[in-house]
C-alpha atoms as a PDB file:
ATOM      1  CA  MET A   1      -2.942  13.966 -17.537  1.00  0.00           C
ATOM      2  CA  LYS A   2      -4.316  12.252 -20.577  1.00  0.00           C
ATOM      3  CA  SER A   3      -6.263   9.188 -21.570  1.00  0.00           C
ATOM      4  CA  LEU A   4      -3.973   6.450 -22.874  1.00  0.00           C
ATOM      5  CA  ASP A   5      -5.086   3.966 -25.472  1.00  0.00           C
ATOM      6  CA  LYS A   6      -5.767   0.415 -24.426  1.00  0.00           C
ATOM      7  CA  GLU A   7      -2.828  -1.164 -26.262  1.00  0.00           C
ATOM      8  CA  HIS A   8      -0.412   1.334 -24.725  1.00  0.00           C
ATOM      9  CA  LEU A   9      -1.702   0.530 -21.232  1.00  0.00           C
ATOM     10  CA  ARG A  10      -1.653  -3.190 -22.015  1.00  0.00           C
ATOM     11  CA  GLY A  11       2.032  -2.911 -22.957  1.00  0.00           C
ATOM     12  CA  ASN A  12       2.871  -1.104 -19.705  1.00  0.00           C
ATOM     13  CA  LEU A  13       0.898  -3.569 -17.578  1.00  0.00           C
ATOM     14  CA  ASP A  14       2.353  -6.634 -19.335  1.00  0.00           C
ATOM     15  CA  LYS A  15       5.901  -5.386 -18.847  1.00  0.00           C
ATOM     16  CA  ILE A  16       5.367  -4.749 -15.129  1.00  0.00           C
ATOM     17  CA  ILE A  17       3.695  -8.132 -14.624  1.00  0.00           C
ATOM     18  CA  TRP A  18       6.591  -9.813 -16.449  1.00  0.00           C
ATOM     19  CA  ASN A  19       9.107  -8.014 -14.193  1.00  0.00           C
ATOM     20  CA  ILE A  20       7.128  -8.935 -11.063  1.00  0.00           C
ATOM     21  CA  GLU A  21       7.124 -12.548 -12.236  1.00  0.00           C
ATOM     22  CA  GLN A  22      10.903 -12.575 -12.784  1.00  0.00           C
ATOM     23  CA  ALA A  23      11.573 -11.041  -9.356  1.00  0.00           C
ATOM     24  CA  ARG A  24       9.037 -13.253  -7.590  1.00  0.00           C
ATOM     25  CA  ILE A  25      10.637 -16.456  -8.839  1.00  0.00           C
ATOM     26  CA  THR A  26      14.007 -15.482  -7.371  1.00  0.00           C
ATOM     27  CA  VAL A  27      12.308 -15.679  -3.942  1.00  0.00           C
ATOM     28  CA  SER A  28      10.232 -18.825  -4.475  1.00  0.00           C
ATOM     29  CA  GLU A  29       7.783 -20.159  -7.012  1.00  0.00           C
ATOM     30  CA  HIS A  30       5.201 -20.010  -4.208  1.00  0.00           C
ATOM     31  CA  HIS A  31       5.821 -16.307  -3.523  1.00  0.00           C
ATOM     32  CA  ILE A  32       2.693 -14.382  -4.616  1.00  0.00           C
ATOM     33  CA  VAL A  33       2.859 -10.627  -5.208  1.00  0.00           C
ATOM     34  CA  GLN A  34      -0.143  -8.310  -5.512  1.00  0.00           C
ATOM     35  CA  LEU A  35       0.038  -5.283  -7.800  1.00  0.00           C
ATOM     36  CA  VAL A  36      -1.835  -2.184  -6.637  1.00  0.00           C
ATOM     37  CA  ALA A  37      -2.127   0.436  -9.388  1.00  0.00           C
ATOM     38  CA  ILE A  38      -1.753   3.960  -8.021  1.00  0.00           C
ATOM     39  CA  GLY A  39      -3.933   6.359  -9.971  1.00  0.00           C
ATOM     40  CA  LYS A  40      -3.133   9.752  -8.461  1.00  0.00           C
ATOM     41  CA  TYR A  41      -1.495  11.186 -11.596  1.00  0.00           C
ATOM     42  CA  THR A  42      -3.779   9.645 -14.164  1.00  0.00           C
ATOM     43  CA  GLU A  43      -7.205  10.085 -15.687  1.00  0.00           C
ATOM     44  CA  VAL A  44     -10.095   8.033 -14.362  1.00  0.00           C
ATOM     45  CA  GLU A  45     -10.600   6.571 -17.891  1.00  0.00           C
ATOM     46  CA  ASN A  46      -7.195   4.897 -17.652  1.00  0.00           C
ATOM     47  CA  ILE A  47      -8.267   3.143 -14.448  1.00  0.00           C
ATOM     48  CA  ALA A  48     -11.368   1.810 -16.235  1.00  0.00           C
ATOM     49  CA  THR A  49      -9.176   0.588 -19.106  1.00  0.00           C
ATOM     50  CA  LEU A  50      -6.814  -1.195 -16.703  1.00  0.00           C
ATOM     51  CA  TYR A  51      -9.848  -2.894 -15.196  1.00  0.00           C
ATOM     52  CA  GLU A  52     -10.738  -4.190 -18.690  1.00  0.00           C
ATOM     53  CA  LEU A  53      -7.177  -5.513 -18.913  1.00  0.00           C
ATOM     54  CA  GLY A  54      -7.613  -7.485 -15.691  1.00  0.00           C
ATOM     55  CA  GLN A  55      -6.252  -5.146 -13.003  1.00  0.00           C
ATOM     56  CA  ARG A  56      -8.454  -5.074  -9.887  1.00  0.00           C
ATOM     57  CA  ALA A  57      -6.624  -3.301  -7.044  1.00  0.00           C
ATOM     58  CA  PHE A  58      -6.178   0.468  -7.149  1.00  0.00           C
ATOM     59  CA  GLY A  59      -4.842   2.974  -4.660  1.00  0.00           C
ATOM     60  CA  GLU A  60      -5.153   6.698  -4.043  1.00  0.00           C
ATOM     61  CA  ASN A  61      -3.250   8.850  -1.599  1.00  0.00           C
ATOM     62  CA  GLN A  62      -5.933  11.439  -0.872  1.00  0.00           C
ATOM     63  CA  VAL A  63      -9.322  10.692   0.661  1.00  0.00           C
ATOM     64  CA  GLN A  64     -11.175  13.144  -1.610  1.00  0.00           C
ATOM     65  CA  GLN A  65      -9.689  11.692  -4.793  1.00  0.00           C
ATOM     66  CA  LEU A  66     -10.424   8.187  -3.535  1.00  0.00           C
ATOM     67  CA  LYS A  67     -14.039   9.179  -2.944  1.00  0.00           C
ATOM     68  CA  ASP A  68     -14.421  10.816  -6.372  1.00  0.00           C
ATOM     69  CA  ARG A  69     -12.997   7.839  -8.189  1.00  0.00           C
ATOM     70  CA  MET A  70     -14.932   5.259  -6.212  1.00  0.00           C
ATOM     71  CA  GLN A  71     -18.130   7.107  -7.105  1.00  0.00           C
ATOM     72  CA  THR A  72     -17.222   7.543 -10.776  1.00  0.00           C
ATOM     73  CA  LEU A  73     -16.284   3.871 -11.137  1.00  0.00           C
ATOM     74  CA  GLU A  74     -18.838   2.389  -8.744  1.00  0.00           C
ATOM     75  CA  GLU A  75     -20.163   0.041 -11.448  1.00  0.00           C
ATOM     76  CA  LEU A  76     -16.804  -1.775 -11.451  1.00  0.00           C
ATOM     77  CA  PRO A  77     -15.909  -4.282  -8.697  1.00  0.00           C
ATOM     78  CA  LEU A  78     -12.584  -2.646  -7.842  1.00  0.00           C
ATOM     79  CA  GLN A  79     -10.549  -3.118  -4.662  1.00  0.00           C
ATOM     80  CA  TRP A  80      -9.588   0.307  -3.356  1.00  0.00           C
ATOM     81  CA  HIS A  81      -6.577   1.027  -1.138  1.00  0.00           C
ATOM     82  CA  MET A  82      -5.785   4.222   0.759  1.00  0.00           C
ATOM     83  CA  ILE A  83      -2.025   4.708   0.556  1.00  0.00           C
ATOM     84  CA  GLY A  84      -1.338   8.305   1.636  1.00  0.00           C
ATOM     85  CA  SER A  85      -1.075  10.015   5.007  1.00  0.00           C
ATOM     86  CA  LEU A  86      -4.476  10.277   6.660  1.00  0.00           C
ATOM     87  CA  GLN A  87      -5.375  13.565   8.336  1.00  0.00           C
ATOM     88  CA  LYS A  88      -7.504  13.147  11.437  1.00  0.00           C
ATOM     89  CA  ASN A  89     -10.240  15.422  10.062  1.00  0.00           C
ATOM     90  CA  LYS A  90     -10.651  12.999   7.125  1.00  0.00           C
ATOM     91  CA  ILE A  91     -11.014   9.812   9.199  1.00  0.00           C
ATOM     92  CA  ASN A  92     -14.826   9.696   9.121  1.00  0.00           C
ATOM     93  CA  ASN A  93     -14.820  10.289   5.353  1.00  0.00           C
ATOM     94  CA  LEU A  94     -12.450   7.369   4.859  1.00  0.00           C
ATOM     95  CA  ILE A  95     -14.452   5.033   7.111  1.00  0.00           C
ATOM     96  CA  ASP A  96     -17.556   5.721   5.021  1.00  0.00           C
ATOM     97  CA  LEU A  97     -15.677   4.670   1.868  1.00  0.00           C
ATOM     98  CA  HIS A  98     -14.816   1.207   3.278  1.00  0.00           C
ATOM     99  CA  PRO A  99     -11.447   0.772   1.522  1.00  0.00           C
ATOM    100  CA  VAL A 100     -10.174  -2.811   1.255  1.00  0.00           C
ATOM    101  CA  LEU A 101      -6.952  -1.692   2.941  1.00  0.00           C
ATOM    102  CA  MET A 102      -5.581   1.457   4.538  1.00  0.00           C
ATOM    103  CA  GLN A 103      -1.815   1.181   4.042  1.00  0.00           C
ATOM    104  CA  SER A 104      -0.550   4.199   5.970  1.00  0.00           C
ATOM    105  CA  LEU A 105      -1.242   3.861   9.696  1.00  0.00           C
ATOM    106  CA  ASP A 106       1.750   5.952  10.718  1.00  0.00           C
ATOM    107  CA  SER A 107       1.310   6.918  14.393  1.00  0.00           C
ATOM    108  CA  LEU A 108      -0.216   5.700  17.635  1.00  0.00           C
ATOM    109  CA  ASP A 109      -2.245   8.926  17.814  1.00  0.00           C
ATOM    110  CA  LEU A 110      -3.815   8.166  14.457  1.00  0.00           C
ATOM    111  CA  ALA A 111      -4.543   4.558  15.469  1.00  0.00           C
ATOM    112  CA  ILE A 112      -6.313   5.644  18.659  1.00  0.00           C
ATOM    113  CA  GLU A 113      -8.378   8.284  16.851  1.00  0.00           C
ATOM    114  CA  LEU A 114      -9.224   5.925  13.983  1.00  0.00           C
ATOM    115  CA  ASN A 115     -10.274   3.179  16.388  1.00  0.00           C
ATOM    116  CA  LYS A 116     -12.492   5.605  18.334  1.00  0.00           C
ATOM    117  CA  LYS A 117     -14.307   6.712  15.188  1.00  0.00           C
ATOM    118  CA  LEU A 118     -14.591   3.152  13.856  1.00  0.00           C
ATOM    119  CA  LEU A 119     -16.160   2.163  17.179  1.00  0.00           C
ATOM    120  CA  ALA A 120     -18.681   5.023  16.937  1.00  0.00           C
ATOM    121  CA  LYS A 121     -19.634   3.929  13.422  1.00  0.00           C
ATOM    122  CA  GLU A 122     -19.653   0.222  14.383  1.00  0.00           C
ATOM    123  CA  SER A 123     -17.149  -0.396  11.628  1.00  0.00           C
ATOM    124  CA  LYS A 124     -13.771  -2.058  11.187  1.00  0.00           C
ATOM    125  CA  MET A 125     -10.847  -1.304   8.911  1.00  0.00           C
ATOM    126  CA  ASN A 126      -7.961  -3.371   7.567  1.00  0.00           C
ATOM    127  CA  CYS A 127      -4.714  -1.445   7.988  1.00  0.00           C
ATOM    128  CA  LEU A 128      -0.967  -1.727   7.516  1.00  0.00           C
ATOM    129  CA  LEU A 129       1.488  -0.232   9.985  1.00  0.00           C
ATOM    130  CA  GLN A 130       3.731   2.245   8.159  1.00  0.00           C
ATOM    131  CA  ILE A 131       7.411   1.863   9.019  1.00  0.00           C
ATOM    132  CA  ASN A 132       9.940   4.604   8.336  1.00  0.00           C
ATOM    133  CA  ALA A 133      12.709   2.063   7.776  1.00  0.00           C
ATOM    134  CA  ALA A 134      15.305   4.552   6.548  1.00  0.00           C
ATOM    135  CA  ASN A 135      14.573   6.965   9.459  1.00  0.00           C
ATOM    136  CA  GLU A 136      14.072   9.865   7.061  1.00  0.00           C
ATOM    137  CA  SER A 137      12.671  13.063   8.541  1.00  0.00           C
ATOM    138  CA  SER A 138      10.655  13.686   5.354  1.00  0.00           C
ATOM    139  CA  LYS A 139       8.650  10.487   5.893  1.00  0.00           C
ATOM    140  CA  SER A 140       6.085   9.569   8.496  1.00  0.00           C
ATOM    141  CA  GLY A 141       5.808   6.177  10.128  1.00  0.00           C
ATOM    142  CA  PHE A 142       7.077   4.182  13.078  1.00  0.00           C
ATOM    143  CA  SER A 143      10.811   3.699  13.540  1.00  0.00           C
ATOM    144  CA  SER A 144      12.104   0.184  12.957  1.00  0.00           C
ATOM    145  CA  ASP A 145      12.950  -0.111  16.660  1.00  0.00           C
ATOM    146  CA  GLU A 146       9.446   0.633  17.932  1.00  0.00           C
ATOM    147  CA  SER A 147       7.351  -0.952  15.184  1.00  0.00           C
ATOM    148  CA  TYR A 148       7.122  -4.482  16.635  1.00  0.00           C
ATOM    149  CA  ASP A 149       5.940  -3.246  20.046  1.00  0.00           C
ATOM    150  CA  MET A 150       3.574  -0.709  18.494  1.00  0.00           C
ATOM    151  CA  TYR A 151       2.049  -3.371  16.256  1.00  0.00           C
ATOM    152  CA  GLN A 152       1.273  -5.485  19.308  1.00  0.00           C
ATOM    153  CA  ARG A 153       0.005  -2.487  21.242  1.00  0.00           C
ATOM    154  CA  ILE A 154      -2.411  -1.422  18.486  1.00  0.00           C
ATOM    155  CA  ASN A 155      -3.549  -5.036  18.124  1.00  0.00           C
ATOM    156  CA  GLU A 156      -4.377  -5.146  21.834  1.00  0.00           C
ATOM    157  CA  THR A 157      -5.858  -1.667  22.330  1.00  0.00           C
ATOM    158  CA  CYS A 158      -7.595  -0.897  19.015  1.00  0.00           C
ATOM    159  CA  PRO A 159     -10.031  -3.779  18.412  1.00  0.00           C
ATOM    160  CA  ASN A 160     -11.728  -2.104  15.430  1.00  0.00           C
ATOM    161  CA  ILE A 161      -8.463  -1.922  13.494  1.00  0.00           C
ATOM    162  CA  ASN A 162      -7.493  -5.170  11.781  1.00  0.00           C
ATOM    163  CA  LEU A 163      -3.723  -4.986  11.347  1.00  0.00           C
ATOM    164  CA  LYS A 164      -2.835  -7.019   8.269  1.00  0.00           C
ATOM    165  CA  GLY A 165       0.881  -6.294   8.040  1.00  0.00           C
ATOM    166  CA  ILE A 166       3.304  -3.485   7.317  1.00  0.00           C
ATOM    167  CA  MET A 167       4.202  -0.942   4.654  1.00  0.00           C
ATOM    168  CA  THR A 168       7.360   1.021   3.958  1.00  0.00           C
ATOM    169  CA  ILE A 169       8.664   3.442   1.345  1.00  0.00           C
ATOM    170  CA  GLY A 170      12.210   2.575   0.270  1.00  0.00           C
ATOM    171  CA  ALA A 171      15.068   4.907   1.205  1.00  0.00           C
ATOM    172  CA  HIS A 172      15.080   8.081  -0.887  1.00  0.00           C
ATOM    173  CA  SER A 173      18.488   7.564  -2.437  1.00  0.00           C
ATOM    174  CA  GLU A 174      20.357   6.865  -5.665  1.00  0.00           C
ATOM    175  CA  ASP A 175      22.330   4.274  -3.708  1.00  0.00           C
ATOM    176  CA  THR A 176      20.720   0.889  -4.317  1.00  0.00           C
ATOM    177  CA  SER A 177      22.405  -0.625  -1.259  1.00  0.00           C
ATOM    178  CA  LEU A 178      20.665   1.908   1.009  1.00  0.00           C
ATOM    179  CA  ILE A 179      17.295   1.165  -0.575  1.00  0.00           C
ATOM    180  CA  GLN A 180      17.925  -2.559  -0.228  1.00  0.00           C
ATOM    181  CA  LYS A 181      18.882  -2.121   3.421  1.00  0.00           C
ATOM    182  CA  SER A 182      15.599  -0.307   4.173  1.00  0.00           C
ATOM    183  CA  PHE A 183      13.646  -3.146   2.526  1.00  0.00           C
ATOM    184  CA  GLU A 184      15.597  -5.882   4.277  1.00  0.00           C
ATOM    185  CA  SER A 185      15.162  -4.326   7.713  1.00  0.00           C
ATOM    186  CA  THR A 186      11.409  -3.968   7.079  1.00  0.00           C
ATOM    187  CA  TYR A 187      11.168  -7.585   5.952  1.00  0.00           C
ATOM    188  CA  THR A 188      12.929  -8.724   9.148  1.00  0.00           C
ATOM    189  CA  ILE A 189      10.215  -6.943  11.162  1.00  0.00           C
ATOM    190  CA  TYR A 190       7.535  -8.506   8.965  1.00  0.00           C
ATOM    191  CA  GLU A 191       8.931 -12.005   9.610  1.00  0.00           C
ATOM    192  CA  LYS A 192       8.668 -11.418  13.361  1.00  0.00           C
ATOM    193  CA  LEU A 193       5.125 -10.057  12.995  1.00  0.00           C
ATOM    194  CA  GLN A 194       3.865 -13.050  11.034  1.00  0.00           C
ATOM    195  CA  LYS A 195       3.233 -14.814  14.339  1.00  0.00           C
ATOM    196  CA  GLU A 196       1.067 -11.799  15.277  1.00  0.00           C
ATOM    197  CA  GLY A 197      -1.024 -12.483  12.159  1.00  0.00           C
ATOM    198  CA  ALA A 198       0.746 -10.208   9.654  1.00  0.00           C
ATOM    199  CA  SER A 199       0.303 -11.421   6.066  1.00  0.00           C
ATOM    200  CA  ILE A 200       1.075  -8.329   3.948  1.00  0.00           C
ATOM    201  CA  CYS A 201       4.508  -6.799   3.418  1.00  0.00           C
ATOM    202  CA  SER A 202       3.903  -3.760   1.177  1.00  0.00           C
ATOM    203  CA  MET A 203       7.207  -2.489  -0.221  1.00  0.00           C
ATOM    204  CA  GLY A 204       8.223  -1.145  -3.593  1.00  0.00           C
ATOM    205  CA  MET A 205       7.035   1.499  -6.047  1.00  0.00           C
ATOM    206  CA  SER A 206       7.785   2.279  -9.704  1.00  0.00           C
ATOM    207  CA  ALA A 207      11.507   2.894  -9.198  1.00  0.00           C
ATOM    208  CA  ASP A 208      12.344   0.000  -6.892  1.00  0.00           C
ATOM    209  CA  TYR A 209       9.610  -2.652  -6.996  1.00  0.00           C
ATOM    210  CA  GLU A 210      11.792  -5.448  -8.402  1.00  0.00           C
ATOM    211  CA  LEU A 211      14.355  -4.970  -5.645  1.00  0.00           C
ATOM    212  CA  ALA A 212      11.555  -4.840  -3.055  1.00  0.00           C
ATOM    213  CA  ILE A 213      10.121  -8.168  -4.252  1.00  0.00           C
ATOM    214  CA  LYS A 214      13.555  -9.796  -4.086  1.00  0.00           C
ATOM    215  CA  CYS A 215      13.717  -8.577  -0.469  1.00  0.00           C
ATOM    216  CA  GLY A 216      10.399 -10.278   0.313  1.00  0.00           C
ATOM    217  CA  SER A 217       7.645  -7.778  -0.586  1.00  0.00           C
ATOM    218  CA  ASN A 218       4.282  -9.350  -1.457  1.00  0.00           C
ATOM    219  CA  LEU A 219       2.498  -6.117  -2.457  1.00  0.00           C
ATOM    220  CA  VAL A 220       3.839  -3.391  -4.750  1.00  0.00           C
ATOM    221  CA  ARG A 221       2.345   0.053  -5.388  1.00  0.00           C
ATOM    222  CA  ILE A 222       2.938   1.226  -8.944  1.00  0.00           C
ATOM    223  CA  GLY A 223       1.720   4.435 -10.571  1.00  0.00           C
ATOM    224  CA  SER A 224       4.013   6.349 -12.927  1.00  0.00           C
ATOM    225  CA  LEU A 225       5.342   3.272 -14.752  1.00  0.00           C
ATOM    226  CA  LEU A 226       1.822   2.097 -15.545  1.00  0.00           C
ATOM    227  CA  PHE A 227       0.607   5.432 -16.835  1.00  0.00           C
ATOM    228  CA  LYS A 228       3.637   6.779 -18.683  1.00  0.00           C
END
């Protein structure tokens, strides 16, 4: 990990924003896509530099790293996202950090436990339901078949969780058609959930974000491409 100079980071950010713009327009000129910069493999200085360049939303996939970085950069008005699997013993720590969005609500068990602890702390949290669209054993999340019902169930039974939409990780494959299929099936679920209040469809990372946007994603999570 190293600090990158501002012009280098500017070049990376500009290129990604340009690519997002090109992909977004293929959907509709009204299609807005949010970029969340994922900082897990980079120095905290690079996050501060990206802020200077206009980037506001950042994500971490571990509660401890999220906490450290929020404290180090507390002077800056950043929007922090939790994007990794949340262990139950870290729930209270995460609640105290008040992330803008927790993107990885991946089981009913976790939802029930999170809601219980939010209730005890008189707090609420914005979350995305994580869907394992490619049904890969290496990934957590709800299956495509159960996700619609589970979304409704969590909405009804966990009042301290504000479900804002869904998140998926594209199929782990060299085959673009498989990745596209996992995005398209997730987007179909998202369309159905819009009448339940869903407004965020978080799909796409460094390797596949342009494809994800063309399939309807309105939030992409990019780390390695920004900080290379």
